[in-house]
Amino acid sequence: MPLSSMLQRLETKLPPLLLVLVLAALAWFLACLWPALSISFVGQRWLALGLALLAAAIALAGVQAFRQHGTTVDPMRPAHSSAVVSSGIYRFSRNPMYLGFGLGLAAWVIALGNAAAALLIPVYVAYMVRFQIRPEEAALQAKFGEPFVAYRRRVRRWL
């Protein structure tokens, strides 16, 4: 099987929240494996807590906006969407739930205080763009056409 076919099979197959949990566990493992890469600073726990609260607020605002518009929050089936949501938090980010998950992962990495764990944040972003966001956007463009294209031009992917 060609590599491109294998990569396509991964598209929208791993629930984003599961990805975050796996990466969070891996971050903990890396912090345990390489304690010499640990850093700490004044206010570290407070920063991690504040970022975690912000992450939860952003992700929940995304869920709330989808529910208000009666569209699915299931990331595994983007074709089941029933509306292009462009109000609320979606005026600022096309992917606030994924942004919230990423910020939550960043909060965990800050709490761990380990440089090796921090390497997983770009892994999250790269995976989400390639295997979740691009396939979702293709499905939404196929379903909604110009209204989605106009929205995509107006609003940034993350922030």
N, C-alpha and C. Protein backbone atom coordinates (compact mmCIF):
# COMPACT_ATOMS: atom_id res chain seq x y z
N MET A 1 0.85 -1.18 0.00
CA MET A 1 0.00 0.00 0.00
C MET A 1 0.89 1.24 0.00
N PRO A 2 0.65 2.18 -0.90
CA PRO A 2 1.46 3.41 -0.96
C PRO A 2 1.31 4.22 0.33
N LEU A 3 2.35 4.97 0.65
CA LEU A 3 2.36 5.78 1.86
C LEU A 3 1.19 6.76 1.89
N SER A 4 0.88 7.38 0.75
CA SER A 4 -0.22 8.35 0.73
C SER A 4 -1.55 7.70 1.10
N SER A 5 -1.76 6.46 0.68
CA SER A 5 -2.98 5.75 1.04
C SER A 5 -3.02 5.45 2.53
N MET A 6 -1.87 5.06 3.07
CA MET A 6 -1.81 4.77 4.50
C MET A 6 -2.08 6.04 5.32
N LEU A 7 -1.52 7.16 4.87
CA LEU A 7 -1.74 8.41 5.58
C LEU A 7 -3.20 8.84 5.51
N GLN A 8 -3.82 8.66 4.35
CA GLN A 8 -5.24 9.02 4.21
C GLN A 8 -6.11 8.21 5.14
N ARG A 9 -5.73 6.99 5.42
CA ARG A 9 -6.53 6.14 6.30
C ARG A 9 -6.53 6.66 7.74
N LEU A 10 -5.56 7.48 8.09
CA LEU A 10 -5.50 8.06 9.43
C LEU A 10 -6.39 9.29 9.59
N GLU A 11 -6.83 9.85 8.48
CA GLU A 11 -7.59 11.10 8.53
C GLU A 11 -8.90 10.91 9.29
N THR A 12 -9.12 11.77 10.25
CA THR A 12 -10.29 11.82 11.13
C THR A 12 -10.59 10.49 11.80
N LYS A 13 -9.55 9.69 12.08
CA LYS A 13 -9.76 8.40 12.71
C LYS A 13 -9.46 8.39 14.21
N LEU A 14 -8.62 9.29 14.67
CA LEU A 14 -8.26 9.34 16.08
C LEU A 14 -8.97 10.54 16.73
N PRO A 15 -9.84 10.28 17.70
CA PRO A 15 -10.52 11.41 18.35
C PRO A 15 -9.50 12.38 18.94
N PRO A 16 -9.65 13.67 18.67
CA PRO A 16 -8.68 14.66 19.17
C PRO A 16 -8.46 14.61 20.67
N LEU A 17 -9.50 14.39 21.45
CA LEU A 17 -9.32 14.33 22.89
C LEU A 17 -8.47 13.11 23.28
N LEU A 18 -8.64 12.00 22.58
CA LEU A 18 -7.80 10.83 22.84
C LEU A 18 -6.34 11.14 22.49
N LEU A 19 -6.12 11.84 21.39
CA LEU A 19 -4.76 12.24 21.02
C LEU A 19 -4.13 13.06 22.13
N VAL A 20 -4.87 14.01 22.68
CA VAL A 20 -4.35 14.86 23.76
C VAL A 20 -4.00 14.01 24.97
N LEU A 21 -4.86 13.07 25.32
CA LEU A 21 -4.60 12.22 26.48
C LEU A 21 -3.36 11.35 26.27
N VAL A 22 -3.20 10.81 25.06
CA VAL A 22 -2.01 10.01 24.74
C VAL A 22 -0.76 10.87 24.83
N LEU A 23 -0.82 12.07 24.25
CA LEU A 23 0.35 12.96 24.29
C LEU A 23 0.64 13.43 25.71
N ALA A 24 -0.40 13.64 26.51
CA ALA A 24 -0.19 14.04 27.91
C ALA A 24 0.50 12.92 28.69
N ALA A 25 0.09 11.69 28.44
CA ALA A 25 0.74 10.54 29.09
C ALA A 25 2.19 10.42 28.63
N LEU A 26 2.41 10.62 27.35
CA LEU A 26 3.77 10.57 26.81
C LEU A 26 4.62 11.70 27.40
N ALA A 27 4.03 12.87 27.59
CA ALA A 27 4.75 13.99 28.19
C ALA A 27 5.19 13.63 29.61
N TRP A 28 4.31 13.02 30.36
CA TRP A 28 4.65 12.59 31.71
C TRP A 28 5.79 11.57 31.67
N PHE A 29 5.70 10.62 30.74
CA PHE A 29 6.74 9.60 30.59
C PHE A 29 8.08 10.25 30.26
N LEU A 30 8.08 11.20 29.33
CA LEU A 30 9.33 11.89 28.97
C LEU A 30 9.90 12.66 30.15
N ALA A 31 9.01 13.28 30.94
CA ALA A 31 9.48 14.03 32.12
C ALA A 31 10.12 13.08 33.13
N CYS A 32 9.56 11.87 33.27
CA CYS A 32 10.14 10.88 34.17
C CYS A 32 11.45 10.32 33.61
N LEU A 33 11.49 10.15 32.30
CA LEU A 33 12.66 9.57 31.64
C LEU A 33 13.86 10.51 31.68
N TRP A 34 13.61 11.80 31.52
CA TRP A 34 14.69 12.79 31.48
C TRP A 34 14.47 13.89 32.52
N PRO A 35 14.61 13.56 33.78
CA PRO A 35 14.40 14.59 34.82
C PRO A 35 15.44 15.71 34.75
N ALA A 36 16.58 15.45 34.14
CA ALA A 36 17.59 16.49 34.03
C ALA A 36 17.12 17.65 33.14
N LEU A 37 16.10 17.41 32.32
CA LEU A 37 15.57 18.45 31.45
C LEU A 37 14.45 19.25 32.12
N SER A 38 14.26 19.01 33.40
CA SER A 38 13.20 19.71 34.13
C SER A 38 13.62 21.13 34.49
N ILE A 39 12.65 22.00 34.45
CA ILE A 39 12.87 23.40 34.83
C ILE A 39 11.71 23.80 35.75
N SER A 40 11.97 24.76 36.59
CA SER A 40 10.90 25.29 37.42
C SER A 40 11.11 26.78 37.57
N PHE A 41 10.02 27.47 37.80
CA PHE A 41 10.10 28.91 37.97
C PHE A 41 8.96 29.36 38.88
N VAL A 42 9.11 30.52 39.43
CA VAL A 42 8.11 31.08 40.33
C VAL A 42 6.80 31.27 39.56
N GLY A 43 5.74 30.78 40.12
CA GLY A 43 4.42 30.94 39.50
C GLY A 43 4.10 29.87 38.46
N GLN A 44 4.95 28.87 38.35
CA GLN A 44 4.76 27.83 37.33
C GLN A 44 3.40 27.14 37.46
N ARG A 45 3.05 26.73 38.66
CA ARG A 45 1.76 26.03 38.86
C ARG A 45 0.59 26.96 38.59
N TRP A 46 0.73 28.22 38.96
CA TRP A 46 -0.36 29.18 38.72
C TRP A 46 -0.53 29.44 37.23
N LEU A 47 0.59 29.55 36.53
CA LEU A 47 0.52 29.73 35.08
C LEU A 47 -0.15 28.52 34.43
N ALA A 48 0.24 27.33 34.85
CA ALA A 48 -0.36 26.11 34.29
C ALA A 48 -1.86 26.07 34.58
N LEU A 49 -2.25 26.42 35.80
CA LEU A 49 -3.67 26.42 36.16
C LEU A 49 -4.44 27.46 35.35
N GLY A 50 -3.90 28.66 35.23
CA GLY A 50 -4.56 29.71 34.45
C GLY A 50 -4.72 29.32 32.99
N LEU A 51 -3.68 28.74 32.42
CA LEU A 51 -3.76 28.29 31.03
C LEU A 51 -4.76 27.16 30.87
N ALA A 52 -4.82 26.25 31.84
CA ALA A 52 -5.79 25.15 31.79
C ALA A 52 -7.22 25.68 31.84
N LEU A 53 -7.46 26.68 32.68
CA LEU A 53 -8.80 27.27 32.76
C LEU A 53 -9.17 27.98 31.46
N LEU A 54 -8.21 28.71 30.89
CA LEU A 54 -8.44 29.36 29.60
C LEU A 54 -8.73 28.32 28.52
N ALA A 55 -7.96 27.24 28.52
CA ALA A 55 -8.15 26.16 27.54
C ALA A 55 -9.55 25.58 27.63
N ALA A 56 -10.00 25.31 28.86
CA ALA A 56 -11.34 24.75 29.05
C ALA A 56 -12.41 25.72 28.59
N ALA A 57 -12.23 26.99 28.90
CA ALA A 57 -13.22 28.00 28.49
C ALA A 57 -13.32 28.10 26.98
N ILE A 58 -12.20 28.08 26.29
CA ILE A 58 -12.20 28.17 24.82
C ILE A 58 -12.85 26.94 24.21
N ALA A 59 -12.46 25.76 24.67
CA ALA A 59 -13.03 24.52 24.12
C ALA A 59 -14.53 24.46 24.38
N LEU A 60 -14.95 24.79 25.58
CA LEU A 60 -16.38 24.74 25.92
C LEU A 60 -17.18 25.78 25.15
N ALA A 61 -16.59 26.92 24.88
CA ALA A 61 -17.27 27.93 24.06
C ALA A 61 -17.51 27.40 22.65
N GLY A 62 -16.56 26.63 22.13
CA GLY A 62 -16.74 26.01 20.82
C GLY A 62 -17.87 25.00 20.82
N VAL A 63 -17.92 24.17 21.84
CA VAL A 63 -18.98 23.17 21.97
C VAL A 63 -20.33 23.87 22.07
N GLN A 64 -20.40 24.90 22.91
CA GLN A 64 -21.65 25.63 23.11
C GLN A 64 -22.14 26.25 21.80
N ALA A 65 -21.25 26.83 21.02
CA ALA A 65 -21.65 27.45 19.76
C ALA A 65 -22.20 26.40 18.79
N PHE A 66 -21.55 25.24 18.73
CA PHE A 66 -22.05 24.18 17.85
C PHE A 66 -23.43 23.72 18.31
N ARG A 67 -23.61 23.56 19.59
CA ARG A 67 -24.92 23.10 20.10
C ARG A 67 -26.00 24.14 19.85
N GLN A 68 -25.67 25.43 19.97
CA GLN A 68 -26.64 26.49 19.70
C GLN A 68 -27.11 26.45 18.25
N HIS A 69 -26.23 26.04 17.35
CA HIS A 69 -26.57 25.97 15.93
C HIS A 69 -27.05 24.59 15.51
N GLY A 70 -27.15 23.68 16.47
CA GLY A 70 -27.67 22.35 16.19
C GLY A 70 -26.80 21.52 15.27
N THR A 71 -25.50 21.71 15.32
CA THR A 71 -24.61 20.92 14.47
C THR A 71 -23.76 19.99 15.33
N THR A 72 -23.19 19.01 14.72
CA THR A 72 -22.47 17.97 15.44
C THR A 72 -21.13 18.46 16.00
N VAL A 73 -20.78 17.93 17.15
CA VAL A 73 -19.46 18.18 17.71
C VAL A 73 -18.56 16.96 17.50
N ASP A 74 -19.04 15.98 16.76
CA ASP A 74 -18.29 14.75 16.51
C ASP A 74 -17.21 15.00 15.46
N PRO A 75 -15.92 15.01 15.87
CA PRO A 75 -14.85 15.30 14.92
C PRO A 75 -14.56 14.15 13.95
N MET A 76 -15.16 13.01 14.20
CA MET A 76 -14.90 11.84 13.36
C MET A 76 -15.76 11.85 12.09
N ARG A 77 -16.80 12.65 12.10
CA ARG A 77 -17.73 12.68 10.97
C ARG A 77 -18.04 14.13 10.55
N PRO A 78 -17.06 14.82 9.97
CA PRO A 78 -17.30 16.22 9.60
C PRO A 78 -18.41 16.40 8.57
N ALA A 79 -18.67 15.38 7.77
CA ALA A 79 -19.73 15.49 6.76
C ALA A 79 -21.12 15.56 7.40
N HIS A 80 -21.24 15.22 8.69
CA HIS A 80 -22.52 15.29 9.37
C HIS A 80 -22.85 16.70 9.87
N SER A 81 -21.95 17.64 9.63
CA SER A 81 -22.21 19.03 10.04
C SER A 81 -23.44 19.55 9.33
N SER A 82 -24.19 20.39 10.05
CA SER A 82 -25.41 20.93 9.46
C SER A 82 -25.36 22.44 9.27
N ALA A 83 -24.26 23.06 9.69
CA ALA A 83 -24.17 24.53 9.56
C ALA A 83 -22.72 24.97 9.60
N VAL A 84 -22.44 26.09 8.97
CA VAL A 84 -21.15 26.75 9.12
C VAL A 84 -21.33 27.71 10.29
N VAL A 85 -20.68 27.43 11.39
CA VAL A 85 -20.80 28.26 12.58
C VAL A 85 -19.71 29.32 12.52
N SER A 86 -20.12 30.59 12.51
CA SER A 86 -19.15 31.68 12.40
C SER A 86 -19.39 32.76 13.45
N SER A 87 -20.20 32.44 14.45
CA SER A 87 -20.47 33.41 15.51
C SER A 87 -19.82 32.95 16.80
N GLY A 88 -19.90 33.80 17.82
CA GLY A 88 -19.29 33.45 19.09
C GLY A 88 -17.78 33.33 18.95
N ILE A 89 -17.23 32.33 19.57
CA ILE A 89 -15.78 32.10 19.53
C ILE A 89 -15.30 31.82 18.12
N TYR A 90 -16.20 31.35 17.25
CA TYR A 90 -15.82 31.03 15.87
C TYR A 90 -15.58 32.28 15.03
N ARG A 91 -15.78 33.46 15.58
CA ARG A 91 -15.37 34.70 14.90
C ARG A 91 -13.87 34.88 14.96
N PHE A 92 -13.22 34.23 15.95
CA PHE A 92 -11.79 34.41 16.21
C PHE A 92 -10.94 33.21 15.81
N SER A 93 -11.53 32.02 15.83
CA SER A 93 -10.80 30.79 15.54
C SER A 93 -11.72 29.81 14.84
N ARG A 94 -11.21 29.19 13.77
CA ARG A 94 -12.01 28.16 13.09
C ARG A 94 -12.02 26.86 13.88
N ASN A 95 -11.11 26.73 14.82
CA ASN A 95 -10.97 25.47 15.57
C ASN A 95 -10.79 25.71 17.07
N PRO A 96 -11.75 26.36 17.72
CA PRO A 96 -11.54 26.66 19.14
C PRO A 96 -11.47 25.42 20.03
N MET A 97 -12.17 24.35 19.68
CA MET A 97 -12.07 23.15 20.50
C MET A 97 -10.66 22.58 20.43
N TYR A 98 -10.09 22.54 19.24
CA TYR A 98 -8.73 22.03 19.08
C TYR A 98 -7.71 22.98 19.70
N LEU A 99 -7.97 24.27 19.60
CA LEU A 99 -7.12 25.26 20.26
C LEU A 99 -7.15 25.04 21.77
N GLY A 100 -8.35 24.84 22.31
CA GLY A 100 -8.48 24.57 23.75
C GLY A 100 -7.74 23.31 24.17
N PHE A 101 -7.86 22.25 23.36
CA PHE A 101 -7.14 21.01 23.66
C PHE A 101 -5.63 21.25 23.65
N GLY A 102 -5.16 21.99 22.66
CA GLY A 102 -3.73 22.27 22.57
C GLY A 102 -3.24 23.11 23.74
N LEU A 103 -4.03 24.10 24.14
CA LEU A 103 -3.66 24.91 25.29
C LEU A 103 -3.69 24.08 26.57
N GLY A 104 -4.62 23.14 26.65
CA GLY A 104 -4.65 22.23 27.81
C GLY A 104 -3.40 21.38 27.88
N LEU A 105 -2.97 20.89 26.71
CA LEU A 105 -1.72 20.13 26.66
C LEU A 105 -0.54 21.01 27.06
N ALA A 106 -0.53 22.24 26.59
CA ALA A 106 0.54 23.18 26.96
C ALA A 106 0.53 23.44 28.47
N ALA A 107 -0.65 23.55 29.06
CA ALA A 107 -0.75 23.75 30.52
C ALA A 107 -0.15 22.56 31.26
N TRP A 108 -0.42 21.36 30.79
CA TRP A 108 0.13 20.16 31.40
C TRP A 108 1.66 20.15 31.28
N VAL A 109 2.16 20.53 30.12
CA VAL A 109 3.61 20.57 29.90
C VAL A 109 4.25 21.59 30.85
N ILE A 110 3.61 22.73 31.03
CA ILE A 110 4.13 23.74 31.95
C ILE A 110 4.13 23.20 33.38
N ALA A 111 3.06 22.52 33.75
CA ALA A 111 2.99 21.93 35.09
C ALA A 111 4.10 20.89 35.29
N LEU A 112 4.37 20.09 34.26
CA LEU A 112 5.44 19.10 34.35
C LEU A 112 6.80 19.77 34.41
N GLY A 113 6.94 20.89 33.72
CA GLY A 113 8.20 21.63 33.73
C GLY A 113 9.36 20.86 33.12
N ASN A 114 9.11 20.23 31.98
CA ASN A 114 10.16 19.43 31.35
C ASN A 114 10.29 19.81 29.88
N ALA A 115 11.51 20.11 29.46
CA ALA A 115 11.75 20.55 28.08
C ALA A 115 11.43 19.47 27.07
N ALA A 116 11.71 18.21 27.39
CA ALA A 116 11.41 17.12 26.45
C ALA A 116 9.90 17.01 26.21
N ALA A 117 9.12 17.20 27.27
CA ALA A 117 7.66 17.13 27.15
C ALA A 117 7.14 18.24 26.23
N ALA A 118 7.81 19.37 26.24
CA ALA A 118 7.38 20.50 25.40
C ALA A 118 7.43 20.17 23.91
N LEU A 119 8.25 19.21 23.52
CA LEU A 119 8.34 18.82 22.11
C LEU A 119 7.04 18.22 21.58
N LEU A 120 6.17 17.82 22.47
CA LEU A 120 4.91 17.20 22.04
C LEU A 120 3.86 18.22 21.59
N ILE A 121 4.05 19.47 21.94
CA ILE A 121 3.09 20.49 21.52
C ILE A 121 3.11 20.67 20.00
N PRO A 122 4.29 20.82 19.37
CA PRO A 122 4.27 20.89 17.90
C PRO A 122 3.82 19.58 17.25
N VAL A 123 4.03 18.46 17.92
CA VAL A 123 3.53 17.19 17.40
C VAL A 123 2.00 17.24 17.34
N TYR A 124 1.38 17.74 18.41
CA TYR A 124 -0.08 17.88 18.44
C TYR A 124 -0.56 18.77 17.29
N VAL A 125 0.05 19.92 17.14
CA VAL A 125 -0.37 20.87 16.10
C VAL A 125 -0.22 20.24 14.71
N ALA A 126 0.93 19.64 14.45
CA ALA A 126 1.17 19.04 13.13
C ALA A 126 0.18 17.91 12.84
N TYR A 127 -0.05 17.05 13.82
CA TYR A 127 -0.99 15.94 13.63
C TYR A 127 -2.40 16.49 13.35
N MET A 128 -2.82 17.44 14.17
CA MET A 128 -4.18 17.98 14.03
C MET A 128 -4.38 18.64 12.67
N VAL A 129 -3.41 19.40 12.22
CA VAL A 129 -3.55 20.06 10.91
C VAL A 129 -3.63 19.02 9.81
N ARG A 130 -2.72 18.07 9.81
CA ARG A 130 -2.66 17.09 8.71
C ARG A 130 -3.80 16.07 8.72
N PHE A 131 -4.12 15.52 9.89
CA PHE A 131 -5.03 14.39 9.94
C PHE A 131 -6.44 14.73 10.42
N GLN A 132 -6.66 15.94 10.94
CA GLN A 132 -8.00 16.29 11.40
C GLN A 132 -8.52 17.55 10.70
N ILE A 133 -7.79 18.63 10.77
CA ILE A 133 -8.32 19.91 10.29
C ILE A 133 -8.43 19.94 8.77
N ARG A 134 -7.38 19.57 8.05
CA ARG A 134 -7.46 19.60 6.58
C ARG A 134 -8.58 18.70 6.05
N PRO A 135 -8.71 17.46 6.53
CA PRO A 135 -9.84 16.64 6.06
C PRO A 135 -11.20 17.23 6.44
N GLU A 136 -11.30 17.79 7.62
CA GLU A 136 -12.56 18.45 8.03
C GLU A 136 -12.88 19.60 7.09
N GLU A 137 -11.89 20.43 6.83
CA GLU A 137 -12.13 21.58 5.96
C GLU A 137 -12.50 21.16 4.55
N ALA A 138 -11.91 20.10 4.05
CA ALA A 138 -12.28 19.59 2.73
C ALA A 138 -13.73 19.13 2.72
N ALA A 139 -14.14 18.43 3.77
CA ALA A 139 -15.53 17.96 3.87
C ALA A 139 -16.50 19.13 3.98
N LEU A 140 -16.14 20.13 4.78
CA LEU A 140 -17.02 21.29 4.95
C LEU A 140 -17.11 22.11 3.66
N GLN A 141 -16.00 22.24 2.95
CA GLN A 141 -16.04 22.96 1.68
C GLN A 141 -16.90 22.21 0.67
N ALA A 142 -16.79 20.89 0.63
CA ALA A 142 -17.61 20.09 -0.29
C ALA A 142 -19.09 20.22 0.05
N LYS A 143 -19.40 20.30 1.33
CA LYS A 143 -20.80 20.36 1.75
C LYS A 143 -21.41 21.75 1.64
N PHE A 144 -20.64 22.78 2.06
CA PHE A 144 -21.21 24.12 2.16
C PHE A 144 -20.74 25.09 1.08
N GLY A 145 -19.69 24.74 0.35
CA GLY A 145 -19.22 25.56 -0.75
C GLY A 145 -18.74 26.94 -0.35
N GLU A 146 -19.19 27.94 -1.08
CA GLU A 146 -18.71 29.32 -0.92
C GLU A 146 -18.89 29.88 0.48
N PRO A 147 -20.00 29.63 1.19
CA PRO A 147 -20.08 30.16 2.55
C PRO A 147 -18.92 29.68 3.45
N PHE A 148 -18.52 28.44 3.30
CA PHE A 148 -17.39 27.96 4.10
C PHE A 148 -16.07 28.57 3.61
N VAL A 149 -15.90 28.68 2.30
CA VAL A 149 -14.68 29.27 1.74
C VAL A 149 -14.54 30.71 2.22
N ALA A 150 -15.62 31.46 2.22
CA ALA A 150 -15.59 32.85 2.69
C ALA A 150 -15.23 32.90 4.18
N TYR A 151 -15.81 32.01 4.95
CA TYR A 151 -15.51 31.95 6.37
C TYR A 151 -14.03 31.62 6.59
N ARG A 152 -13.52 30.65 5.84
CA ARG A 152 -12.11 30.26 5.96
C ARG A 152 -11.17 31.41 5.63
N ARG A 153 -11.56 32.25 4.67
CA ARG A 153 -10.73 33.42 4.31
C ARG A 153 -10.75 34.47 5.41
N ARG A 154 -11.88 34.59 6.11
CA ARG A 154 -12.08 35.62 7.13
C ARG A 154 -11.44 35.29 8.48
N VAL A 155 -11.44 34.01 8.83
CA VAL A 155 -11.05 33.63 10.19
C VAL A 155 -9.84 32.70 10.15
N ARG A 156 -8.90 32.95 11.03
CA ARG A 156 -7.67 32.16 11.09
C ARG A 156 -7.96 30.76 11.64
N ARG A 157 -7.09 29.83 11.30
CA ARG A 157 -7.25 28.43 11.73
C ARG A 157 -7.20 28.28 13.25
N TRP A 158 -6.21 28.88 13.88
CA TRP A 158 -6.05 28.73 15.33
C TRP A 158 -6.46 30.00 16.06
N LEU A 159 -5.80 31.10 15.77
CA LEU A 159 -6.12 32.40 16.39
C LEU A 159 -5.90 33.52 15.42
